[in-house]
Amino acid sequence: RANAATVQTTIFGQLVAEALPKSLHCVMIKLTSDWLTEPSRHELADENRNSPRLVDNNLYHFCI
């Protein structure tokens, strides 16, 4: 089962890598890099964590 899971992980990872547009991949890398290198972003995220806009069901929320 472990070997099968390893093979599936490799195959699914390859499918995602091929299906994800390069521009979107670059945005994710840039955002991750900014998040890891700028502690001020952590503070900003903590401040906005309980924002009413995040729990307003009248707004559309998208996750990429």
PDB file of N, CA and C in Angstrom:
ATOM      1  N   ARG A   1       0.828  -1.195   0.000  1.00  0.00           N
ATOM      2  CA  ARG A   1       0.000   0.000   0.000  1.00  0.00           C
ATOM      3  C   ARG A   1       0.867   1.251   0.000  1.00  0.00           C
ATOM      4  N   ALA A   2       1.981   1.186   0.731  1.00  0.00           N
ATOM      5  CA  ALA A   2       2.877   2.341   0.780  1.00  0.00           C
ATOM      6  C   ALA A   2       3.491   2.616  -0.587  1.00  0.00           C
ATOM      7  N   ASN A   3       3.883   1.547  -1.277  1.00  0.00           N
ATOM      8  CA  ASN A   3       4.458   1.733  -2.615  1.00  0.00           C
ATOM      9  C   ASN A   3       3.424   2.307  -3.583  1.00  0.00           C
ATOM     10  N   ALA A   4       2.198   1.818  -3.488  1.00  0.00           N
ATOM     11  CA  ALA A   4       1.131   2.324  -4.359  1.00  0.00           C
ATOM     12  C   ALA A   4       0.867   3.805  -4.067  1.00  0.00           C
ATOM     13  N   ALA A   5       0.871   4.174  -2.803  1.00  0.00           N
ATOM     14  CA  ALA A   5       0.652   5.574  -2.429  1.00  0.00           C
ATOM     15  C   ALA A   5       1.780   6.454  -2.947  1.00  0.00           C
ATOM     16  N   THR A   6       3.005   5.966  -2.895  1.00  0.00           N
ATOM     17  CA  THR A   6       4.147   6.720  -3.396  1.00  0.00           C
ATOM     18  C   THR A   6       4.025   6.955  -4.897  1.00  0.00           C
ATOM     19  N   VAL A   7       3.641   5.909  -5.620  1.00  0.00           N
ATOM     20  CA  VAL A   7       3.474   6.028  -7.067  1.00  0.00           C
ATOM     21  C   VAL A   7       2.348   7.009  -7.387  1.00  0.00           C
ATOM     22  N   GLN A   8       1.233   6.911  -6.672  1.00  0.00           N
ATOM     23  CA  GLN A   8       0.111   7.822  -6.902  1.00  0.00           C
ATOM     24  C   GLN A   8       0.518   9.268  -6.616  1.00  0.00           C
ATOM     25  N   THR A   9       1.250   9.481  -5.549  1.00  0.00           N
ATOM     26  CA  THR A   9       1.700  10.829  -5.208  1.00  0.00           C
ATOM     27  C   THR A   9       2.548  11.405  -6.326  1.00  0.00           C
ATOM     28  N   THR A  10       3.442  10.608  -6.864  1.00  0.00           N
ATOM     29  CA  THR A  10       4.301  11.058  -7.960  1.00  0.00           C
ATOM     30  C   THR A  10       3.475  11.392  -9.196  1.00  0.00           C
ATOM     31  N   ILE A  11       2.554  10.521  -9.532  1.00  0.00           N
ATOM     32  CA  ILE A  11       1.720  10.729 -10.721  1.00  0.00           C
ATOM     33  C   ILE A  11       0.843  11.958 -10.549  1.00  0.00           C
ATOM     34  N   PHE A  12       0.180  12.084  -9.400  1.00  0.00           N
ATOM     35  CA  PHE A  12      -0.699  13.234  -9.161  1.00  0.00           C
ATOM     36  C   PHE A  12       0.101  14.532  -9.126  1.00  0.00           C
ATOM     37  N   GLY A  13       1.282  14.486  -8.544  1.00  0.00           N
ATOM     38  CA  GLY A  13       2.137  15.669  -8.523  1.00  0.00           C
ATOM     39  C   GLY A  13       2.519  16.117  -9.918  1.00  0.00           C
ATOM     40  N   GLN A  14       2.819  15.158 -10.773  1.00  0.00           N
ATOM     41  CA  GLN A  14       3.164  15.474 -12.159  1.00  0.00           C
ATOM     42  C   GLN A  14       1.961  16.055 -12.894  1.00  0.00           C
ATOM     43  N   LEU A  15       0.777  15.495 -12.667  1.00  0.00           N
ATOM     44  CA  LEU A  15      -0.430  16.014 -13.311  1.00  0.00           C
ATOM     45  C   LEU A  15      -0.691  17.460 -12.907  1.00  0.00           C
ATOM     46  N   VAL A  16      -0.536  17.755 -11.629  1.00  0.00           N
ATOM     47  CA  VAL A  16      -0.753  19.120 -11.144  1.00  0.00           C
ATOM     48  C   VAL A  16       0.272  20.062 -11.760  1.00  0.00           C
ATOM     49  N   ALA A  17       1.520  19.639 -11.803  1.00  0.00           N
ATOM     50  CA  ALA A  17       2.575  20.475 -12.369  1.00  0.00           C
ATOM     51  C   ALA A  17       2.300  20.790 -13.841  1.00  0.00           C
ATOM     52  N   GLU A  18       1.761  19.841 -14.570  1.00  0.00           N
ATOM     53  CA  GLU A  18       1.476  20.058 -15.985  1.00  0.00           C
ATOM     54  C   GLU A  18       0.199  20.874 -16.190  1.00  0.00           C
ATOM     55  N   ALA A  19      -0.759  20.757 -15.284  1.00  0.00           N
ATOM     56  CA  ALA A  19      -2.052  21.406 -15.458  1.00  0.00           C
ATOM     57  C   ALA A  19      -2.066  22.849 -14.963  1.00  0.00           C
ATOM     58  N   LEU A  20      -1.190  23.196 -14.036  1.00  0.00           N
ATOM     59  CA  LEU A  20      -1.176  24.529 -13.446  1.00  0.00           C
ATOM     60  C   LEU A  20      -0.496  25.511 -14.394  1.00  0.00           C
ATOM     61  N   PRO A  21      -1.178  26.598 -14.760  1.00  0.00           N
ATOM     62  CA  PRO A  21      -0.540  27.584 -15.637  1.00  0.00           C
ATOM     63  C   PRO A  21       0.723  28.152 -14.991  1.00  0.00           C
ATOM     64  N   LYS A  22       1.751  28.386 -15.800  1.00  0.00           N
ATOM     65  CA  LYS A  22       3.029  28.850 -15.276  1.00  0.00           C
ATOM     66  C   LYS A  22       2.899  30.171 -14.538  1.00  0.00           C
ATOM     67  N   SER A  23       2.070  31.089 -15.041  1.00  0.00           N
ATOM     68  CA  SER A  23       1.915  32.385 -14.391  1.00  0.00           C
ATOM     69  C   SER A  23       1.332  32.233 -12.985  1.00  0.00           C
ATOM     70  N   LEU A  24       0.418  31.296 -12.814  1.00  0.00           N
ATOM     71  CA  LEU A  24      -0.169  31.063 -11.500  1.00  0.00           C
ATOM     72  C   LEU A  24       0.852  30.431 -10.568  1.00  0.00           C
ATOM     73  N   HIS A  25       1.667  29.535 -11.096  1.00  0.00           N
ATOM     74  CA  HIS A  25       2.727  28.911 -10.308  1.00  0.00           C
ATOM     75  C   HIS A  25       3.709  29.977  -9.823  1.00  0.00           C
ATOM     76  N   CYS A  26       4.066  30.905 -10.697  1.00  0.00           N
ATOM     77  CA  CYS A  26       5.006  31.972 -10.325  1.00  0.00           C
ATOM     78  C   CYS A  26       4.416  32.877  -9.240  1.00  0.00           C
ATOM     79  N   VAL A  27       3.118  33.150  -9.321  1.00  0.00           N
ATOM     80  CA  VAL A  27       2.471  33.977  -8.296  1.00  0.00           C
ATOM     81  C   VAL A  27       2.537  33.265  -6.949  1.00  0.00           C
ATOM     82  N   MET A  28       2.276  31.968  -6.927  1.00  0.00           N
ATOM     83  CA  MET A  28       2.312  31.231  -5.667  1.00  0.00           C
ATOM     84  C   MET A  28       3.717  31.224  -5.078  1.00  0.00           C
ATOM     85  N   ILE A  29       4.730  31.078  -5.919  1.00  0.00           N
ATOM     86  CA  ILE A  29       6.104  31.092  -5.430  1.00  0.00           C
ATOM     87  C   ILE A  29       6.443  32.467  -4.867  1.00  0.00           C
ATOM     88  N   LYS A  30       6.039  33.534  -5.559  1.00  0.00           N
ATOM     89  CA  LYS A  30       6.307  34.895  -5.098  1.00  0.00           C
ATOM     90  C   LYS A  30       5.608  35.157  -3.766  1.00  0.00           C
ATOM     91  N   LEU A  31       4.346  34.769  -3.643  1.00  0.00           N
ATOM     92  CA  LEU A  31       3.613  34.985  -2.394  1.00  0.00           C
ATOM     93  C   LEU A  31       4.225  34.201  -1.245  1.00  0.00           C
ATOM     94  N   THR A  32       4.619  32.967  -1.505  1.00  0.00           N
ATOM     95  CA  THR A  32       5.244  32.152  -0.470  1.00  0.00           C
ATOM     96  C   THR A  32       6.575  32.756  -0.046  1.00  0.00           C
ATOM     97  N   SER A  33       7.343  33.206  -1.009  1.00  0.00           N
ATOM     98  CA  SER A  33       8.630  33.830  -0.714  1.00  0.00           C
ATOM     99  C   SER A  33       8.438  35.087   0.129  1.00  0.00           C
ATOM    100  N   ASP A  34       7.491  35.924  -0.267  1.00  0.00           N
ATOM    101  CA  ASP A  34       7.206  37.142   0.515  1.00  0.00           C
ATOM    102  C   ASP A  34       6.770  36.802   1.929  1.00  0.00           C
ATOM    103  N   TRP A  35       5.938  35.794   2.058  1.00  0.00           N
ATOM    104  CA  TRP A  35       5.425  35.401   3.370  1.00  0.00           C
ATOM    105  C   TRP A  35       6.564  34.949   4.287  1.00  0.00           C
ATOM    106  N   LEU A  36       7.497  34.190   3.729  1.00  0.00           N
ATOM    107  CA  LEU A  36       8.581  33.648   4.535  1.00  0.00           C
ATOM    108  C   LEU A  36       9.654  34.679   4.865  1.00  0.00           C
ATOM    109  N   THR A  37       9.824  35.682   4.019  1.00  0.00           N
ATOM    110  CA  THR A  37      10.924  36.628   4.220  1.00  0.00           C
ATOM    111  C   THR A  37      10.510  37.937   4.876  1.00  0.00           C
ATOM    112  N   GLU A  38       9.221  38.206   4.977  1.00  0.00           N
ATOM    113  CA  GLU A  38       8.773  39.480   5.542  1.00  0.00           C
ATOM    114  C   GLU A  38       7.871  39.243   6.749  1.00  0.00           C
ATOM    115  N   PRO A  39       8.420  39.364   7.957  1.00  0.00           N
ATOM    116  CA  PRO A  39       7.616  39.161   9.169  1.00  0.00           C
ATOM    117  C   PRO A  39       6.442  40.129   9.278  1.00  0.00           C
ATOM    118  N   SER A  40       6.531  41.293   8.638  1.00  0.00           N
ATOM    119  CA  SER A  40       5.426  42.254   8.708  1.00  0.00           C
ATOM    120  C   SER A  40       4.149  41.669   8.111  1.00  0.00           C
ATOM    121  N   ARG A  41       4.293  40.751   7.167  1.00  0.00           N
ATOM    122  CA  ARG A  41       3.103  40.116   6.575  1.00  0.00           C
ATOM    123  C   ARG A  41       2.390  39.237   7.603  1.00  0.00           C
ATOM    124  N   HIS A  42       3.134  38.628   8.504  1.00  0.00           N
ATOM    125  CA  HIS A  42       2.530  37.807   9.553  1.00  0.00           C
ATOM    126  C   HIS A  42       1.697  38.684  10.486  1.00  0.00           C
ATOM    127  N   GLU A  43       2.237  39.852  10.831  1.00  0.00           N
ATOM    128  CA  GLU A  43       1.511  40.772  11.707  1.00  0.00           C
ATOM    129  C   GLU A  43       0.240  41.263  11.032  1.00  0.00           C
ATOM    130  N   LEU A  44       0.328  41.594   9.760  1.00  0.00           N
ATOM    131  CA  LEU A  44      -0.836  42.053   9.014  1.00  0.00           C
ATOM    132  C   LEU A  44      -1.898  40.957   8.944  1.00  0.00           C
ATOM    133  N   ALA A  45      -1.475  39.724   8.731  1.00  0.00           N
ATOM    134  CA  ALA A  45      -2.422  38.606   8.678  1.00  0.00           C
ATOM    135  C   ALA A  45      -3.102  38.409  10.023  1.00  0.00           C
ATOM    136  N   ASP A  46      -2.349  38.545  11.114  1.00  0.00           N
ATOM    137  CA  ASP A  46      -2.928  38.397  12.445  1.00  0.00           C
ATOM    138  C   ASP A  46      -3.950  39.491  12.729  1.00  0.00           C
ATOM    139  N   GLU A  47      -3.663  40.710  12.278  1.00  0.00           N
ATOM    140  CA  GLU A  47      -4.584  41.828  12.491  1.00  0.00           C
ATOM    141  C   GLU A  47      -5.892  41.622  11.734  1.00  0.00           C
ATOM    142  N   ASN A  48      -5.804  41.057  10.552  1.00  0.00           N
ATOM    143  CA  ASN A  48      -6.986  40.902   9.698  1.00  0.00           C
ATOM    144  C   ASN A  48      -7.682  39.553   9.864  1.00  0.00           C
ATOM    145  N   ARG A  49      -7.189  38.731  10.747  1.00  0.00           N
ATOM    146  CA  ARG A  49      -7.732  37.385  10.903  1.00  0.00           C
ATOM    147  C   ARG A  49      -9.222  37.383  11.258  1.00  0.00           C
ATOM    148  N   ASN A  50      -9.651  38.318  12.078  1.00  0.00           N
ATOM    149  CA  ASN A  50     -11.051  38.372  12.520  1.00  0.00           C
ATOM    150  C   ASN A  50     -11.832  39.477  11.820  1.00  0.00           C
ATOM    151  N   SER A  51     -11.407  39.831  10.637  1.00  0.00           N
ATOM    152  CA  SER A  51     -12.073  40.875   9.877  1.00  0.00           C
ATOM    153  C   SER A  51     -13.501  40.452   9.534  1.00  0.00           C
ATOM    154  N   PRO A  52     -14.471  41.367   9.679  1.00  0.00           N
ATOM    155  CA  PRO A  52     -15.862  41.037   9.320  1.00  0.00           C
ATOM    156  C   PRO A  52     -16.003  40.637   7.852  1.00  0.00           C
ATOM    157  N   ARG A  53     -15.102  41.123   7.009  1.00  0.00           N
ATOM    158  CA  ARG A  53     -15.179  40.783   5.589  1.00  0.00           C
ATOM    159  C   ARG A  53     -14.897  39.303   5.353  1.00  0.00           C
ATOM    160  N   LEU A  54     -14.142  38.659   6.245  1.00  0.00           N
ATOM    161  CA  LEU A  54     -13.818  37.245   6.056  1.00  0.00           C
ATOM    162  C   LEU A  54     -14.992  36.332   6.386  1.00  0.00           C
ATOM    163  N   VAL A  55     -15.909  36.798   7.189  1.00  0.00           N
ATOM    164  CA  VAL A  55     -17.037  35.950   7.584  1.00  0.00           C
ATOM    165  C   VAL A  55     -18.359  36.410   6.976  1.00  0.00           C
ATOM    166  N   ASP A  56     -18.317  37.421   6.119  1.00  0.00           N
ATOM    167  CA  ASP A  56     -19.520  37.935   5.478  1.00  0.00           C
ATOM    168  C   ASP A  56     -19.928  36.991   4.347  1.00  0.00           C
ATOM    169  N   ASN A  57     -21.067  36.324   4.512  1.00  0.00           N
ATOM    170  CA  ASN A  57     -21.535  35.362   3.506  1.00  0.00           C
ATOM    171  C   ASN A  57     -22.061  36.024   2.240  1.00  0.00           C
ATOM    172  N   ASN A  58     -22.193  37.338   2.253  1.00  0.00           N
ATOM    173  CA  ASN A  58     -22.627  38.044   1.052  1.00  0.00           C
ATOM    174  C   ASN A  58     -21.472  38.295   0.091  1.00  0.00           C
ATOM    175  N   LEU A  59     -20.258  38.048   0.525  1.00  0.00           N
ATOM    176  CA  LEU A  59     -19.085  38.223  -0.317  1.00  0.00           C
ATOM    177  C   LEU A  59     -18.642  36.884  -0.876  1.00  0.00           C
ATOM    178  N   TYR A  60     -17.999  36.920  -2.017  1.00  0.00           N
ATOM    179  CA  TYR A  60     -17.464  35.701  -2.629  1.00  0.00           C
ATOM    180  C   TYR A  60     -16.002  35.560  -2.220  1.00  0.00           C
ATOM    181  N   HIS A  61     -15.641  34.379  -1.788  1.00  0.00           N
ATOM    182  CA  HIS A  61     -14.265  34.091  -1.384  1.00  0.00           C
ATOM    183  C   HIS A  61     -13.693  33.048  -2.329  1.00  0.00           C
ATOM    184  N   PHE A  62     -12.513  33.320  -2.860  1.00  0.00           N
ATOM    185  CA  PHE A  62     -11.873  32.417  -3.808  1.00  0.00           C
ATOM    186  C   PHE A  62     -10.554  31.926  -3.227  1.00  0.00           C
ATOM    187  N   CYS A  63     -10.268  30.673  -3.463  1.00  0.00           N
ATOM    188  CA  CYS A  63      -9.007  30.090  -3.032  1.00  0.00           C
ATOM    189  C   CYS A  63      -8.318  29.545  -4.265  1.00  0.00           C
ATOM    190  N   ILE A  64      -7.088  29.979  -4.468  1.00  0.00           N
ATOM    191  CA  ILE A  64      -6.338  29.507  -5.638  1.00  0.00           C
ATOM    192  C   ILE A  64      -5.376  28.429  -5.188  1.00  0.00           C
TER     193      ILE A  64
END
